Protein backbone atom coordinates (compact mmCIF):
# COMPACT_ATOMS: atom_id res chain seq x y z
CA UNK A 1 122.68 101.67 126.27
CA UNK A 2 122.91 98.78 123.49
CA UNK A 3 119.15 98.79 122.91
CA UNK A 4 119.58 102.40 121.47
CA UNK A 5 120.78 101.08 118.62
CA UNK A 6 117.44 99.68 117.24
CA UNK A 7 115.78 102.22 115.26
CA UNK A 8 112.41 102.46 113.10
CA UNK A 9 113.14 101.13 109.52
CA UNK A 10 112.73 102.17 107.36
CA UNK A 11 111.91 106.02 106.99
CA UNK A 12 109.94 106.33 104.18
CA UNK A 13 108.63 104.34 101.65
CA UNK A 14 108.46 105.57 97.80
CA UNK A 15 107.13 104.23 94.34
CA UNK A 16 108.67 101.15 93.26
CA UNK A 17 106.57 98.75 91.38
CA UNK A 18 106.63 98.37 88.03
CA UNK A 19 108.19 101.96 87.13
CA UNK A 20 108.86 102.45 83.41
CA UNK A 21 112.61 104.11 83.62
CA UNK A 22 115.56 104.37 81.27
CA UNK A 23 118.27 101.63 80.97
CA UNK A 24 120.85 100.93 78.96
CA UNK A 25 119.76 99.99 75.38
CA UNK A 26 121.83 96.88 75.11
CA UNK A 27 119.45 95.27 78.08
CA UNK A 28 116.98 95.02 75.37
CA UNK A 29 119.10 93.04 73.26
CA UNK A 30 122.20 93.34 71.88
CA UNK A 31 120.82 94.19 68.07
CA UNK A 32 119.64 97.72 70.43
CA UNK A 33 122.64 98.36 71.76
CA UNK A 34 122.69 102.17 69.99
CA UNK A 35 118.74 101.90 69.92
CA UNK A 36 117.68 104.76 72.65
CA UNK A 37 114.24 104.34 71.31
CA UNK A 38 114.83 100.96 73.44
CA UNK A 39 116.81 102.64 76.07
CA UNK A 40 113.58 101.74 78.49
CA UNK A 41 111.86 99.04 80.42
CA UNK A 42 109.79 98.88 83.84
CA UNK A 43 111.58 97.79 87.00
CA UNK A 44 110.70 96.98 90.71
CA UNK A 45 112.51 97.28 93.88
CA UNK A 46 114.62 99.78 95.84
CA UNK A 47 116.50 100.65 92.84
CA UNK A 48 113.42 102.10 91.85
CA UNK A 49 112.02 103.82 94.89
CA UNK A 50 115.32 105.45 95.98
CA UNK A 51 115.47 107.87 92.84
CA UNK A 52 111.95 108.83 93.89
CA UNK A 53 113.73 109.78 96.96
CA UNK A 54 116.60 111.78 95.78
CA UNK A 55 114.24 113.40 93.57
CA UNK A 56 111.96 114.69 96.11
CA UNK A 57 115.19 115.46 98.54
CA UNK A 58 115.89 118.15 95.20
CA UNK A 59 112.86 119.52 95.16
CA UNK A 60 113.10 120.20 98.19
CA UNK A 61 116.43 121.64 98.77
CA UNK A 62 115.69 123.77 95.46
CA UNK A 63 112.80 125.27 97.93
CA UNK A 64 114.68 125.48 100.84
CA UNK A 65 118.11 125.49 100.44
CA UNK A 66 119.11 126.55 104.11
CA UNK A 67 117.64 123.42 104.90
CA UNK A 68 120.18 120.55 106.42
CA UNK A 69 119.85 116.76 105.71
CA UNK A 70 118.09 116.30 109.05
CA UNK A 71 115.52 118.97 107.75
CA UNK A 72 115.26 117.33 104.35
CA UNK A 73 114.48 113.96 106.04
CA UNK A 74 111.58 115.48 108.59
CA UNK A 75 110.04 117.10 105.61
CA UNK A 76 109.95 113.65 103.91
CA UNK A 77 108.99 111.76 106.49
CA UNK A 78 106.23 114.49 108.33
CA UNK A 79 104.23 114.45 105.19
CA UNK A 80 104.34 111.27 104.44
CA UNK A 81 100.97 109.52 102.96
CA UNK A 82 99.22 106.47 105.04
CA UNK A 83 99.24 103.64 102.70
CA UNK A 84 95.81 101.95 102.59
CA UNK A 85 95.91 98.89 103.73
CA UNK A 86 97.11 98.36 107.38
CA UNK A 87 100.72 97.92 107.77
CA UNK A 88 103.39 97.71 110.25
CA UNK A 89 105.44 101.04 111.05
CA UNK A 90 108.68 98.53 110.38
CA UNK A 91 107.39 97.41 107.07
CA UNK A 92 106.48 101.00 105.64
CA UNK A 93 107.70 103.51 107.92
CA UNK A 94 105.19 106.51 108.47
CA UNK A 95 103.92 105.91 104.77
CA UNK A 96 104.87 106.79 101.15
CA UNK A 97 106.77 110.59 100.07
CA UNK A 98 104.61 112.94 99.09
CA UNK A 99 107.06 115.50 97.25
CA UNK A 100 104.31 118.62 96.69
CA UNK A 101 103.64 117.81 100.78
CA UNK A 102 107.40 117.91 101.86
CA UNK A 103 108.48 120.92 99.86
CA UNK A 104 105.01 123.13 100.87
CA UNK A 105 105.04 122.05 104.44
CA UNK A 106 105.13 124.52 107.26
CA UNK A 107 105.20 122.06 109.92
CA UNK A 108 108.10 120.29 111.31
CA UNK A 109 108.03 117.57 113.97
CA UNK A 110 111.20 116.06 115.56
CA UNK A 111 112.10 113.99 118.18
CA UNK A 112 115.02 114.65 120.47
CA UNK A 113 117.14 111.64 120.47
CA UNK A 114 120.39 109.66 120.33
CA UNK A 115 121.44 107.54 117.38
CA UNK A 116 124.80 105.42 116.57
CA UNK A 117 127.15 106.18 114.13
CA UNK A 118 130.94 105.00 113.68
CA UNK A 119 133.60 106.66 114.64
CA UNK A 120 137.30 105.63 114.69
CA UNK A 121 136.01 101.97 114.21
CA UNK A 122 133.68 102.16 117.02
CA UNK A 123 130.33 102.44 117.44
CA UNK A 124 129.12 105.79 119.20
CA UNK A 125 125.96 107.29 120.02
CA UNK A 126 125.29 111.35 118.81
CA UNK A 127 122.29 113.03 119.21
CA UNK A 128 119.64 113.72 116.64
CA UNK A 129 116.38 114.72 115.53
CA UNK A 130 114.69 111.88 114.05
CA UNK A 131 111.18 111.80 112.47
CA UNK A 132 110.16 108.55 114.45
CA UNK A 133 109.79 108.33 118.26
CA UNK A 134 111.53 104.77 118.99
CA UNK A 135 112.38 103.68 122.39
CA UNK A 136 114.52 100.65 121.25
CA UNK A 137 114.51 97.32 122.32
CA UNK A 138 113.99 97.09 125.93
CA UNK A 139 115.29 93.25 127.73
CA UNK A 140 112.20 91.89 130.03
CA UNK A 141 112.70 91.87 133.51
CA UNK A 142 111.32 92.26 137.08
CA UNK A 143 111.68 95.99 137.78
CA UNK A 144 110.03 98.38 135.97
CA UNK A 145 111.33 100.33 133.31
CA UNK A 146 110.44 104.01 132.19
CA UNK A 147 111.89 106.37 129.74
CA UNK A 148 111.11 109.72 128.03
CA UNK A 149 111.68 111.13 124.98
CA UNK A 150 111.24 115.05 123.80
CA UNK A 151 108.87 116.16 121.15
CA UNK A 152 108.92 119.64 119.48
CA UNK A 153 106.86 120.82 116.72
CA UNK A 154 107.71 124.36 115.02
CA UNK A 155 104.78 126.11 113.04
CA UNK A 156 106.55 128.21 110.61
CA UNK A 157 102.80 129.75 109.58
CA UNK A 158 101.55 132.78 110.15
CA UNK A 159 98.32 131.21 112.13
CA UNK A 160 98.36 129.79 115.75
CA UNK A 161 97.77 125.62 115.23
CA UNK A 162 96.57 123.14 117.43
CA UNK A 163 97.67 119.60 116.85
CA UNK A 164 95.32 116.05 118.23
CA UNK A 165 97.73 113.43 119.20
CA UNK A 166 96.72 109.80 118.84
CA UNK A 167 98.86 106.77 119.11
CA UNK A 168 98.24 103.13 119.19
CA UNK A 169 100.33 100.25 119.67
CA UNK A 170 102.08 98.31 117.01
CA UNK A 171 101.33 95.31 116.05
CA UNK A 172 103.32 92.35 114.51
CA UNK A 173 101.87 89.61 113.32
CA UNK A 174 102.28 85.65 115.05
CA UNK A 175 104.28 87.64 118.13
CA UNK A 176 102.27 90.34 119.28
CA UNK A 177 101.11 90.59 123.16
CA UNK A 178 98.73 92.94 124.09
CA UNK A 179 100.77 96.24 125.54
CA UNK A 180 98.22 97.47 128.24
CA UNK A 181 97.42 93.93 129.28
CA UNK A 182 101.36 93.68 130.05
CA UNK A 183 101.97 96.57 132.04
CA UNK A 184 102.94 99.06 128.77
CA UNK A 185 101.72 102.69 129.34
CA UNK A 186 101.95 105.63 126.91
CA UNK A 187 102.14 109.03 128.15
CA UNK A 188 101.62 111.67 125.57
CA UNK A 189 99.46 114.87 125.83
CA UNK A 190 95.81 114.72 123.63
CA UNK A 191 96.01 117.92 122.32
CA UNK A 192 98.90 120.90 121.05
CA UNK A 193 99.14 124.38 120.75
CA UNK A 194 101.81 125.89 118.83
CA UNK A 195 101.70 129.44 118.21
CA UNK A 196 102.40 131.38 114.81
CA UNK A 197 106.00 130.92 113.76
CA UNK A 198 107.01 129.47 117.28
CA UNK A 199 107.72 125.88 118.34
CA UNK A 200 106.42 123.95 121.26
CA UNK A 201 108.41 120.77 122.76
CA UNK A 202 106.62 118.23 124.88
CA UNK A 203 107.71 114.97 127.01
CA UNK A 204 106.36 111.57 126.30
CA UNK A 205 106.75 108.85 128.99
């Protein structure tokens, strides 16, 4: 099952360009080494985006101390905002984190899956609930290949909710193939009803 080791990354994106942040004062010149009025600068990269995610996770746990790390990740992924331009899920995951929505959301969507980890120096698969739906890498062969996953939607509100489900095949510039023309099908319900304070599980083939 080597294909199971291929997952969708990143899981979220966060503000990370031109972020005004604290820095060691000496980085603005030796003469400012003790002048904390100059201990700020603008930087870009994952070192700026990561603190935004950590801060959002802290806010989630402050409001929901019972959450597991898995719950926190699902909250961030489920409520991420789609970016304005059209990006591949492999570039931005589900989108940019929305801390307010992540804290206040009363819906959880999770995919029952197996993820890779290392135990005693060996790669092993463990059961987990993921925030994305990935079938991993599939090697081309002459035989038909089928796989299925389970998605569970939990509605923590006091009203019944109906979810419209849509999907589109991912495309990657210069190497894309037309999925439907190549016999790839995706079977998922178009509508899911979840009663108040309950969960609903369904298969995706």
